[in-house]
Amino acid sequence: MLKQLTAIIEKEKDGYVALCPEVDVASQGNTIAEARSNLKEALELFFEMASPEEIDARLHDEVYVTHIEIAVG
């Protein structure tokens, strides 16, 4: 079964951090592609090893990514 999940990738000092907000799983890598690949592997391991109860407790069905404009300073 295939499941489509969200990957948010953010630049940090020496690399990238990738987060899947649906299950709160994160990984990292030296490049965007590496961070994405490492997140995919971490997600596959999570779904393989987690109990059905843990998956149900952590899995959010709806995640929205958007921009918000605010005044700063």
N, C-alpha and C. Protein backbone atom coordinates (compact mmCIF):
# COMPACT_ATOMS: atom_id res chain seq x y z
N MET A 1 0.84 -1.18 0.00
CA MET A 1 0.00 0.00 0.00
C MET A 1 0.89 1.25 0.00
N LEU A 2 0.57 2.19 -0.83
CA LEU A 2 1.30 3.45 -0.87
C LEU A 2 0.53 4.52 -0.10
N LYS A 3 1.25 5.35 0.62
CA LYS A 3 0.64 6.46 1.37
C LYS A 3 1.44 7.71 1.06
N GLN A 4 0.74 8.78 0.73
CA GLN A 4 1.41 10.05 0.43
C GLN A 4 1.48 10.87 1.71
N LEU A 5 2.69 11.28 2.07
CA LEU A 5 2.93 12.06 3.28
C LEU A 5 3.64 13.36 2.92
N THR A 6 3.68 14.28 3.86
CA THR A 6 4.31 15.59 3.67
C THR A 6 5.75 15.54 4.15
N ALA A 7 6.64 16.16 3.39
CA ALA A 7 8.03 16.32 3.81
C ALA A 7 8.34 17.81 3.81
N ILE A 8 8.69 18.33 4.97
CA ILE A 8 9.12 19.73 5.10
C ILE A 8 10.63 19.69 5.30
N ILE A 9 11.35 20.32 4.40
CA ILE A 9 12.82 20.29 4.44
C ILE A 9 13.32 21.70 4.68
N GLU A 10 14.16 21.84 5.70
CA GLU A 10 14.64 23.15 6.12
C GLU A 10 16.17 23.17 6.16
N LYS A 11 16.75 24.24 5.65
CA LYS A 11 18.21 24.41 5.67
C LYS A 11 18.65 24.72 7.08
N GLU A 12 19.67 24.03 7.53
CA GLU A 12 20.32 24.35 8.80
C GLU A 12 21.77 24.65 8.50
N LYS A 13 22.57 24.92 9.50
CA LYS A 13 23.95 25.37 9.30
C LYS A 13 24.71 24.55 8.27
N ASP A 14 24.87 23.26 8.52
CA ASP A 14 25.71 22.43 7.66
C ASP A 14 24.94 21.41 6.85
N GLY A 15 23.64 21.56 6.75
CA GLY A 15 22.87 20.55 6.02
C GLY A 15 21.39 20.88 6.02
N TYR A 16 20.57 19.84 5.97
CA TYR A 16 19.13 19.99 5.87
C TYR A 16 18.44 19.05 6.85
N VAL A 17 17.33 19.51 7.40
CA VAL A 17 16.51 18.69 8.28
C VAL A 17 15.18 18.47 7.58
N ALA A 18 14.72 17.24 7.56
CA ALA A 18 13.46 16.88 6.92
C ALA A 18 12.50 16.37 7.98
N LEU A 19 11.26 16.86 7.93
CA LEU A 19 10.23 16.49 8.92
C LEU A 19 8.97 16.04 8.21
N CYS A 20 8.38 14.99 8.70
CA CYS A 20 7.06 14.55 8.26
C CYS A 20 6.09 14.86 9.39
N PRO A 21 5.27 15.92 9.26
CA PRO A 21 4.40 16.32 10.36
C PRO A 21 3.25 15.36 10.62
N GLU A 22 2.88 14.53 9.66
CA GLU A 22 1.77 13.58 9.88
C GLU A 22 2.06 12.61 11.02
N VAL A 23 3.32 12.21 11.20
CA VAL A 23 3.67 11.26 12.25
C VAL A 23 4.80 11.76 13.14
N ASP A 24 5.23 13.00 12.93
CA ASP A 24 6.30 13.62 13.71
C ASP A 24 7.58 12.79 13.66
N VAL A 25 7.99 12.44 12.46
CA VAL A 25 9.24 11.73 12.23
C VAL A 25 10.17 12.68 11.48
N ALA A 26 11.43 12.73 11.89
CA ALA A 26 12.39 13.63 11.26
C ALA A 26 13.67 12.89 10.92
N SER A 27 14.44 13.48 10.00
CA SER A 27 15.76 12.97 9.64
C SER A 27 16.57 14.15 9.13
N GLN A 28 17.76 13.87 8.63
CA GLN A 28 18.63 14.95 8.15
C GLN A 28 19.54 14.44 7.05
N GLY A 29 20.22 15.37 6.39
CA GLY A 29 21.17 15.00 5.35
C GLY A 29 22.00 16.20 4.94
N ASN A 30 23.04 15.94 4.18
CA ASN A 30 23.92 17.02 3.71
C ASN A 30 23.33 17.80 2.55
N THR A 31 22.40 17.18 1.82
CA THR A 31 21.73 17.83 0.69
C THR A 31 20.22 17.63 0.85
N ILE A 32 19.45 18.36 0.06
CA ILE A 32 18.00 18.20 0.09
C ILE A 32 17.63 16.76 -0.28
N ALA A 33 18.25 16.26 -1.33
CA ALA A 33 17.95 14.89 -1.79
C ALA A 33 18.29 13.86 -0.72
N GLU A 34 19.41 14.05 -0.04
CA GLU A 34 19.81 13.11 1.01
C GLU A 34 18.86 13.19 2.20
N ALA A 35 18.47 14.40 2.59
CA ALA A 35 17.53 14.56 3.70
C ALA A 35 16.19 13.91 3.36
N ARG A 36 15.73 14.09 2.14
CA ARG A 36 14.46 13.49 1.70
C ARG A 36 14.56 11.97 1.70
N SER A 37 15.65 11.44 1.17
CA SER A 37 15.85 9.99 1.14
C SER A 37 15.94 9.41 2.55
N ASN A 38 16.65 10.09 3.43
CA ASN A 38 16.77 9.62 4.81
C ASN A 38 15.43 9.68 5.54
N LEU A 39 14.62 10.70 5.25
CA LEU A 39 13.29 10.78 5.84
C LEU A 39 12.42 9.64 5.34
N LYS A 40 12.49 9.35 4.06
CA LYS A 40 11.72 8.23 3.50
C LYS A 40 12.09 6.93 4.20
N GLU A 41 13.38 6.70 4.39
CA GLU A 41 13.83 5.49 5.08
C GLU A 41 13.33 5.46 6.53
N ALA A 42 13.40 6.60 7.22
CA ALA A 42 12.93 6.67 8.61
C ALA A 42 11.44 6.40 8.69
N LEU A 43 10.68 6.91 7.72
CA LEU A 43 9.23 6.68 7.70
C LEU A 43 8.91 5.21 7.43
N GLU A 44 9.63 4.61 6.51
CA GLU A 44 9.42 3.19 6.23
C GLU A 44 9.70 2.35 7.47
N LEU A 45 10.78 2.69 8.18
CA LEU A 45 11.09 1.97 9.42
C LEU A 45 10.03 2.19 10.49
N PHE A 46 9.55 3.43 10.59
CA PHE A 46 8.50 3.72 11.56
C PHE A 46 7.26 2.85 11.31
N PHE A 47 6.78 2.84 10.06
CA PHE A 47 5.58 2.08 9.75
C PHE A 47 5.81 0.57 9.86
N GLU A 48 7.04 0.13 9.66
CA GLU A 48 7.36 -1.29 9.80
C GLU A 48 7.42 -1.71 11.27
N MET A 49 7.95 -0.84 12.13
CA MET A 49 8.21 -1.23 13.51
C MET A 49 7.12 -0.80 14.51
N ALA A 50 6.39 0.25 14.21
CA ALA A 50 5.40 0.77 15.17
C ALA A 50 4.18 -0.15 15.23
N SER A 51 3.60 -0.20 16.40
CA SER A 51 2.37 -0.98 16.57
C SER A 51 1.22 -0.23 15.90
N PRO A 52 0.16 -0.94 15.54
CA PRO A 52 -1.01 -0.27 14.96
C PRO A 52 -1.56 0.82 15.89
N GLU A 53 -1.47 0.60 17.20
CA GLU A 53 -1.95 1.60 18.16
C GLU A 53 -1.11 2.87 18.12
N GLU A 54 0.22 2.71 18.01
CA GLU A 54 1.09 3.88 17.93
C GLU A 54 0.86 4.64 16.63
N ILE A 55 0.71 3.92 15.55
CA ILE A 55 0.43 4.57 14.26
C ILE A 55 -0.88 5.35 14.34
N ASP A 56 -1.92 4.75 14.87
CA ASP A 56 -3.21 5.44 15.01
C ASP A 56 -3.10 6.67 15.89
N ALA A 57 -2.30 6.59 16.97
CA ALA A 57 -2.16 7.71 17.89
C ALA A 57 -1.38 8.87 17.27
N ARG A 58 -0.41 8.56 16.40
CA ARG A 58 0.47 9.61 15.87
C ARG A 58 0.07 10.12 14.49
N LEU A 59 -0.67 9.34 13.74
CA LEU A 59 -0.96 9.69 12.35
C LEU A 59 -2.06 10.75 12.26
N HIS A 60 -1.72 11.89 11.69
CA HIS A 60 -2.68 12.97 11.43
C HIS A 60 -3.12 12.86 9.98
N ASP A 61 -4.42 12.78 9.75
CA ASP A 61 -4.93 12.61 8.38
C ASP A 61 -4.81 13.87 7.53
N GLU A 62 -4.89 15.03 8.16
CA GLU A 62 -4.87 16.27 7.39
C GLU A 62 -3.76 17.18 7.90
N VAL A 63 -2.86 17.57 7.01
CA VAL A 63 -1.80 18.52 7.32
C VAL A 63 -1.82 19.55 6.21
N TYR A 64 -1.80 20.81 6.59
CA TYR A 64 -1.82 21.89 5.61
C TYR A 64 -0.55 22.70 5.74
N VAL A 65 0.10 22.96 4.62
CA VAL A 65 1.30 23.79 4.59
C VAL A 65 0.94 25.06 3.85
N THR A 66 1.13 26.19 4.49
CA THR A 66 0.76 27.47 3.89
C THR A 66 1.73 28.55 4.37
N HIS A 67 1.58 29.74 3.85
CA HIS A 67 2.37 30.89 4.28
C HIS A 67 1.48 31.86 5.03
N ILE A 68 2.05 32.53 6.01
CA ILE A 68 1.33 33.55 6.77
C ILE A 68 2.19 34.82 6.75
N GLU A 69 1.57 35.94 6.47
CA GLU A 69 2.29 37.22 6.44
C GLU A 69 2.06 37.95 7.75
N ILE A 70 3.17 38.39 8.39
CA ILE A 70 3.06 39.13 9.66
C ILE A 70 3.97 40.35 9.59
N ALA A 71 3.68 41.32 10.41
CA ALA A 71 4.54 42.51 10.53
C ALA A 71 5.61 42.18 11.57
N VAL A 72 6.85 42.53 11.26
CA VAL A 72 7.96 42.26 12.15
C VAL A 72 8.71 43.57 12.41
N GLY A 73 9.12 43.74 13.63
CA GLY A 73 9.97 44.87 13.97
C GLY A 73 9.24 46.13 14.01
